[in-house]
Protein backbone atom coordinates (compact mmCIF):
# COMPACT_ATOMS: atom_id res chain seq x y z
CA MET A 1 -1.81 25.95 -94.47
CA SER A 2 -5.40 26.21 -96.13
CA GLN A 3 -8.57 24.92 -93.50
CA PRO A 4 -11.21 23.31 -94.39
CA PRO A 5 -14.39 23.70 -95.80
CA ALA A 6 -16.84 25.41 -93.53
CA ALA A 7 -19.54 22.53 -94.29
CA ASP A 8 -16.18 20.05 -93.58
CA LEU A 9 -16.25 21.46 -89.94
CA GLY A 10 -19.61 21.35 -89.69
CA ASP A 11 -19.32 17.43 -89.84
CA ILE A 12 -16.69 17.38 -87.70
CA SER A 13 -18.52 19.27 -84.89
CA ARG A 14 -21.47 16.82 -84.86
CA GLU A 15 -19.18 14.12 -85.45
CA ALA A 16 -16.95 15.05 -82.43
CA ALA A 17 -19.92 15.33 -80.56
CA GLU A 18 -21.79 12.43 -80.97
CA PHE A 19 -18.80 11.14 -79.95
CA ARG A 20 -18.59 12.58 -76.78
CA ALA A 21 -21.93 11.47 -75.91
CA ARG A 22 -21.60 8.22 -76.64
CA VAL A 23 -17.85 7.67 -74.58
CA ALA A 24 -20.04 9.93 -71.55
CA ALA A 25 -23.18 6.91 -71.85
CA ILE A 26 -20.49 4.19 -71.58
CA HIS A 27 -19.02 5.81 -69.44
CA ALA A 28 -22.63 6.41 -67.28
CA GLU A 29 -23.37 2.26 -67.78
CA LEU A 30 -20.72 0.88 -66.60
CA SER A 31 -20.35 3.22 -63.38
CA ARG A 32 -24.71 2.32 -62.84
CA VAL A 33 -23.10 -1.48 -61.90
CA ILE A 34 -19.00 -0.57 -61.55
CA VAL A 35 -18.42 1.35 -57.93
CA GLY A 36 -16.15 3.82 -58.12
CA GLN A 37 -12.79 3.32 -60.33
CA GLN A 38 -13.49 6.15 -62.52
CA ASP A 39 -9.84 6.67 -64.41
CA LEU A 40 -9.93 2.67 -64.87
CA LEU A 41 -13.21 2.43 -66.41
CA ASP A 42 -12.36 5.27 -68.66
CA LEU A 43 -9.04 3.83 -69.81
CA ILE A 44 -11.08 0.34 -70.18
CA THR A 45 -13.27 2.52 -72.80
CA TYR A 46 -10.10 4.18 -74.25
CA ALA A 47 -8.86 1.15 -74.88
CA VAL A 48 -11.79 -0.59 -76.80
CA LEU A 49 -12.36 2.62 -78.76
CA SER A 50 -8.89 2.49 -80.23
CA GLY A 51 -9.27 -0.93 -80.90
CA GLY A 52 -6.30 -2.45 -78.86
CA HIS A 53 -6.92 -5.45 -75.96
CA VAL A 54 -6.09 -4.69 -71.56
CA LEU A 55 -4.74 -6.92 -69.46
CA LEU A 56 -5.98 -6.35 -65.75
CA GLU A 57 -3.73 -6.86 -62.35
CA GLY A 58 -5.19 -7.33 -59.13
CA VAL A 59 -6.27 -9.57 -56.88
CA PRO A 60 -9.19 -12.06 -57.23
CA GLY A 61 -12.82 -9.68 -55.88
CA LEU A 62 -12.05 -7.02 -57.02
CA GLY A 63 -14.82 -7.32 -59.83
CA LYS A 64 -12.60 -7.47 -62.73
CA THR A 65 -15.35 -10.07 -64.01
CA LEU A 66 -18.29 -8.26 -63.34
CA LEU A 67 -16.82 -4.95 -65.26
CA VAL A 68 -15.73 -6.75 -68.59
CA ARG A 69 -19.04 -8.21 -68.39
CA THR A 70 -20.76 -4.98 -67.92
CA LEU A 71 -18.94 -3.77 -70.50
CA ALA A 72 -20.16 -6.40 -73.39
CA GLN A 73 -23.52 -5.73 -71.99
CA THR A 74 -23.29 -1.86 -72.95
CA LEU A 75 -21.33 -2.46 -75.74
CA ASP A 76 -23.90 -5.19 -76.87
CA LEU A 77 -20.92 -7.79 -77.86
CA ARG A 78 -20.88 -11.29 -77.78
CA PHE A 79 -19.67 -12.17 -74.81
CA SER A 80 -17.18 -15.56 -73.30
CA ARG A 81 -15.29 -16.24 -70.45
CA ILE A 82 -12.24 -18.66 -70.47
CA GLN A 83 -11.43 -19.54 -67.52
CA PHE A 84 -7.67 -20.15 -67.46
CA THR A 85 -6.25 -23.22 -64.90
CA PRO A 86 -2.93 -24.76 -65.47
CA ASP A 87 -4.80 -28.06 -66.89
CA LEU A 88 -6.46 -25.98 -69.94
CA MET A 89 -5.52 -27.12 -73.04
CA PRO A 90 -5.33 -24.66 -76.37
CA ALA A 91 -8.03 -26.23 -78.05
CA ASP A 92 -10.51 -25.30 -75.52
CA ILE A 93 -9.48 -21.74 -76.22
CA VAL A 94 -9.41 -22.23 -80.58
CA GLY A 95 -11.45 -24.97 -81.11
CA THR A 96 -10.77 -28.23 -82.62
CA ASN A 97 -12.10 -31.09 -85.53
CA LEU A 98 -14.29 -33.02 -84.01
CA VAL A 99 -15.38 -36.64 -86.41
CA MET A 100 -18.89 -36.43 -87.21
CA GLN A 101 -21.21 -39.07 -88.55
CA ASP A 102 -24.31 -38.02 -91.16
CA ASP A 103 -26.98 -40.35 -91.61
CA SER A 104 -25.69 -42.43 -93.90
CA GLY A 105 -22.94 -43.87 -91.78
CA ARG A 106 -20.57 -41.59 -93.62
CA ARG A 107 -18.23 -39.77 -90.79
CA ARG A 108 -15.87 -36.32 -91.85
CA PHE A 109 -14.74 -33.54 -90.11
CA GLU A 110 -16.42 -30.35 -88.24
CA PHE A 111 -14.71 -27.94 -86.83
CA GLN A 112 -16.12 -26.83 -83.33
CA PRO A 113 -15.44 -23.17 -82.63
CA GLY A 114 -14.21 -22.67 -78.86
CA PRO A 115 -14.62 -19.33 -77.01
CA VAL A 116 -12.08 -17.44 -78.96
CA PHE A 117 -15.08 -17.03 -81.74
CA SER A 118 -16.55 -14.07 -79.48
CA GLN A 119 -16.45 -10.58 -80.02
CA ILE A 120 -15.69 -9.84 -75.75
CA VAL A 121 -13.06 -12.67 -74.34
CA LEU A 122 -12.79 -12.12 -70.92
CA ALA A 123 -9.06 -14.73 -70.06
CA ASP A 124 -9.95 -15.05 -66.44
CA GLU A 125 -6.50 -15.97 -64.33
CA ILE A 126 -4.64 -15.57 -67.38
CA ASN A 127 -1.93 -16.62 -65.91
CA ARG A 128 -2.71 -19.65 -64.25
CA ALA A 129 -1.95 -21.68 -67.65
CA THR A 130 0.60 -22.71 -68.59
CA PRO A 131 2.97 -20.45 -71.24
CA LYS A 132 1.54 -23.50 -74.16
CA THR A 133 -2.30 -22.59 -73.58
CA GLN A 134 -1.73 -18.45 -73.20
CA SER A 135 0.27 -19.05 -76.53
CA ALA A 136 -3.35 -20.18 -77.74
CA LEU A 137 -4.34 -16.43 -78.06
CA LEU A 138 -1.25 -14.86 -80.05
CA GLU A 139 -2.74 -15.40 -83.43
CA ALA A 140 -5.81 -13.98 -82.19
CA MET A 141 -4.95 -10.81 -80.47
CA GLN A 142 -2.44 -10.07 -83.15
CA GLU A 143 -4.41 -11.10 -86.51
CA HIS A 144 -7.89 -11.31 -84.91
CA ALA A 145 -8.15 -14.79 -86.89
CA VAL A 146 -7.42 -18.68 -85.52
CA THR A 147 -5.66 -21.15 -87.34
CA VAL A 148 -6.38 -25.05 -86.88
CA ALA A 149 -5.03 -27.98 -88.68
CA GLY A 150 -3.53 -25.23 -90.87
CA GLU A 151 -7.31 -23.43 -91.88
CA SER A 152 -7.64 -19.56 -90.94
CA ARG A 153 -10.80 -18.48 -89.55
CA ARG A 154 -11.02 -14.93 -88.99
CA LEU A 155 -12.85 -13.54 -85.69
CA ASP A 156 -15.97 -11.09 -86.06
CA GLU A 157 -15.56 -7.78 -85.58
CA PRO A 158 -15.07 -5.82 -83.40
CA PHE A 159 -12.58 -8.32 -80.87
CA PHE A 160 -11.21 -7.64 -77.65
CA VAL A 161 -9.27 -9.59 -75.27
CA LEU A 162 -9.86 -8.24 -71.71
CA ALA A 163 -7.62 -10.46 -69.73
CA THR A 164 -7.18 -10.36 -66.18
CA GLN A 165 -4.13 -11.73 -64.01
CA ASN A 166 -3.14 -12.49 -60.47
CA PRO A 167 -0.27 -10.22 -58.70
CA ILE A 168 2.66 -12.48 -59.67
CA GLU A 169 3.28 -13.28 -55.90
CA MET A 170 0.56 -15.93 -56.04
CA GLU A 171 0.74 -19.27 -55.87
CA GLY A 172 -0.23 -21.37 -58.97
CA THR A 173 0.89 -18.49 -61.69
CA TYR A 174 3.11 -18.73 -64.72
CA PRO A 175 5.11 -14.94 -65.96
CA LEU A 176 3.51 -13.92 -69.35
CA PRO A 177 5.97 -14.20 -71.50
CA GLU A 178 7.20 -10.47 -73.31
CA ALA A 179 5.09 -11.52 -76.99
CA GLN A 180 1.74 -11.87 -74.85
CA LEU A 181 2.50 -9.22 -73.08
CA ASP A 182 2.97 -7.05 -76.62
CA ARG A 183 -0.53 -7.81 -77.65
CA PHE A 184 -2.34 -5.71 -74.99
CA LEU A 185 -2.47 -2.26 -75.21
CA PHE A 186 -2.86 -1.40 -71.99
CA LYS A 187 -2.15 -2.98 -68.43
CA LEU A 188 -4.13 -1.85 -65.85
CA ARG A 189 -3.71 -2.09 -61.95
CA VAL A 190 -6.85 -2.40 -60.41
CA PRO A 191 -6.87 -0.88 -56.80
CA PHE A 192 -8.32 -1.92 -53.59
CA PRO A 193 -11.23 -0.16 -52.79
CA GLY A 194 -11.70 2.97 -50.58
CA LEU A 195 -13.86 2.85 -46.98
CA ALA A 196 -16.61 4.60 -49.06
CA ASP A 197 -16.79 2.49 -52.22
CA LEU A 198 -16.89 -0.24 -49.84
CA GLN A 199 -19.61 0.40 -48.48
CA ALA A 200 -21.69 1.30 -51.91
CA ILE A 201 -20.46 -1.95 -52.44
CA ILE A 202 -22.51 -3.73 -49.76
CA ASP A 203 -25.69 -1.69 -50.05
CA ARG A 204 -26.12 -2.85 -54.13
CA THR A 205 -24.84 -6.74 -53.07
CA THR A 206 -27.26 -6.35 -50.60
CA GLY A 207 -30.18 -4.65 -51.69
CA PRO A 208 -33.43 -5.81 -53.52
CA GLU A 209 -32.51 -5.44 -56.58
CA GLN A 210 -28.99 -5.95 -58.72
CA PRO A 211 -27.83 -2.83 -60.87
CA ALA A 212 -27.86 -3.65 -64.46
CA ALA A 213 -26.43 -1.86 -67.81
CA SER A 214 -28.40 -1.01 -70.87
CA ARG A 215 -27.47 -1.60 -74.40
CA VAL A 216 -26.32 1.99 -75.14
CA LEU A 217 -24.10 0.96 -78.68
CA ASP A 218 -23.41 -2.24 -81.20
CA GLY A 219 -20.77 -3.84 -82.62
CA ALA A 220 -21.07 -1.39 -86.08
CA ALA A 221 -20.64 2.14 -83.80
CA VAL A 222 -18.31 0.68 -82.11
CA LEU A 223 -15.89 -0.24 -85.85
CA GLU A 224 -17.33 3.88 -86.93
CA MET A 225 -15.57 5.34 -83.67
CA GLN A 226 -12.59 3.50 -84.10
CA ALA A 227 -12.43 4.56 -87.14
CA LEU A 228 -13.10 8.50 -86.17
CA ALA A 229 -10.77 8.08 -83.56
CA ARG A 230 -7.95 7.35 -86.28
CA ARG A 231 -9.32 10.43 -87.83
CA VAL A 232 -8.07 13.00 -85.45
CA PRO A 233 -5.13 14.79 -86.79
CA VAL A 234 -1.67 14.33 -85.07
CA ALA A 235 0.87 16.90 -85.65
CA THR A 236 4.38 16.52 -86.69
CA HIS A 237 5.83 16.98 -83.13
CA VAL A 238 3.73 14.91 -81.45
CA ARG A 239 4.51 11.66 -83.63
CA GLU A 240 8.27 12.81 -83.04
CA TYR A 241 7.50 13.59 -79.19
CA ALA A 242 5.67 9.69 -79.07
CA ALA A 243 8.58 8.00 -81.12
CA ARG A 244 11.22 9.70 -78.17
CA LEU A 245 9.38 8.79 -75.80
CA VAL A 246 10.07 5.09 -77.18
CA MET A 247 13.22 5.60 -77.95
CA ALA A 248 14.05 6.52 -74.76
CA THR A 249 13.46 3.27 -72.99
CA HIS A 250 15.21 1.22 -75.99
CA PRO A 251 17.51 -0.92 -74.57
CA GLU A 252 19.31 -0.66 -77.69
CA SER A 253 19.39 4.13 -77.33
CA GLU A 254 22.56 5.08 -75.56
CA ALA A 255 19.56 7.27 -73.55
CA ALA A 256 18.03 3.82 -72.42
CA ALA A 257 16.69 3.69 -68.35
CA ASP A 258 17.38 0.14 -67.36
CA ALA A 259 14.68 -1.05 -68.40
CA GLY A 260 13.41 -0.70 -72.49
CA VAL A 261 10.19 -0.81 -74.70
CA ASP A 262 9.56 -3.26 -76.45
CA PRO A 263 9.92 -2.11 -80.52
CA GLY A 264 6.28 -3.58 -81.32
CA GLY A 265 4.62 0.34 -81.95
CA LYS A 266 2.10 -0.10 -79.33
CA SER A 267 3.31 2.35 -76.95
CA ALA A 268 3.66 4.84 -79.85
CA ARG A 269 0.11 4.49 -80.89
CA PRO A 270 -1.64 7.62 -80.30
CA GLN A 271 -5.21 6.19 -80.80
CA PRO A 272 -5.82 6.20 -76.91
CA GLY A 273 -4.77 9.92 -76.58
CA ALA A 274 -6.95 10.83 -79.21
CA VAL A 275 -10.04 8.75 -77.69
CA GLN A 276 -8.78 10.24 -74.46
CA ARG A 277 -9.22 14.29 -76.60
CA GLY A 278 -12.27 12.99 -78.02
CA HIS A 279 -14.22 13.00 -75.03
CA ARG A 280 -12.82 15.82 -73.38
CA GLY A 281 -13.76 17.85 -76.27
CA TYR A 282 -10.98 18.50 -77.83
CA PRO A 283 -9.95 18.46 -81.71
CA GLY A 284 -6.80 16.46 -82.19
CA VAL A 285 -3.97 15.32 -80.18
CA GLY A 286 -1.23 17.76 -78.39
CA LEU A 287 1.63 16.98 -75.77
CA ALA A 288 -0.91 16.20 -73.01
CA GLY A 289 -3.05 13.77 -74.91
CA VAL A 290 -0.04 11.24 -76.03
CA ALA A 291 1.87 12.00 -72.33
CA ALA A 292 -1.39 10.76 -70.50
CA PRO A 293 -2.08 7.12 -71.72
CA PRO A 294 1.49 6.24 -71.70
CA HIS A 295 2.00 5.00 -68.81
CA PRO A 296 -0.90 2.01 -68.72
CA GLN A 297 0.54 1.41 -72.46
CA LEU A 298 4.43 1.35 -70.95
CA ARG A 299 3.84 -0.48 -67.77
CA GLY A 300 4.82 -4.28 -68.29
CA ARG A 301 6.73 -3.60 -71.92
CA GLY A 302 10.24 -3.07 -69.61
CA ARG A 303 13.12 -4.88 -70.99
CA ARG A 304 16.30 -5.43 -69.31
CA ARG A 305 19.99 -4.14 -70.80
CA ARG A 306 21.53 -6.89 -71.10
CA SER A 307 25.31 -6.20 -70.40
CA GLY A 308 28.05 -7.25 -72.56
């Protein structure tokens, strides 16, 4: 097997070092505002740099909204927040055509974009809205576009949806359908902080100065890092391992467990492993790189085997 030219190896080393430094800078800025939750910060960073959406689950008051807002500040991306409630309508998310009248008295339709026309969209308490309203995000998350009155409109890149949901046992919640869950690369659980973290939160929230994150990247840099993650080499046996990992849980497979993974392919994507390995200074994705992220990728994607 031929080796890349020395000049190419030098470029790869520089790109890898810059990638690692950028990921560390993102993590450092998030940590200035968010107390603890180091694994959570890493996984959200890996998902964003992989071009995936994230579903955060946890009881209210754990700082999920603050985390998403801080991420938008760190990456210098346009941010919008949608508070999902039972009376929220799809048009409140994607926008609608309004009748406008000009100076001459002529009327025309003019599109008023909804909050989904941002780059980082916080879908707060997404499972408090009805399934009809939840579905308004499906096209935006999959195609990075929305269709209103038969006209498709592209969303600016990079585009991410980071949604929060309350545990399903809480009152006033609707379970997300499988099609909605499939749009999320990761489902992450936000744990309750420990005693030391609670004390640090009290110190930060009652002190004279509130910590704030600084911009370390912009949209163009995020797209560049996503492209670099796709260029990380993945050996054939690693790709086969990822495929077997999904097949072993699939309902139609003889070796499947009771709960299977959807066939959408996101669970077999190696990009999160590539970002993780790049962050830690490794040049390619090995078996460990595939085995580490799948737990949050597979979580929430189980399908019960149907008998008969």
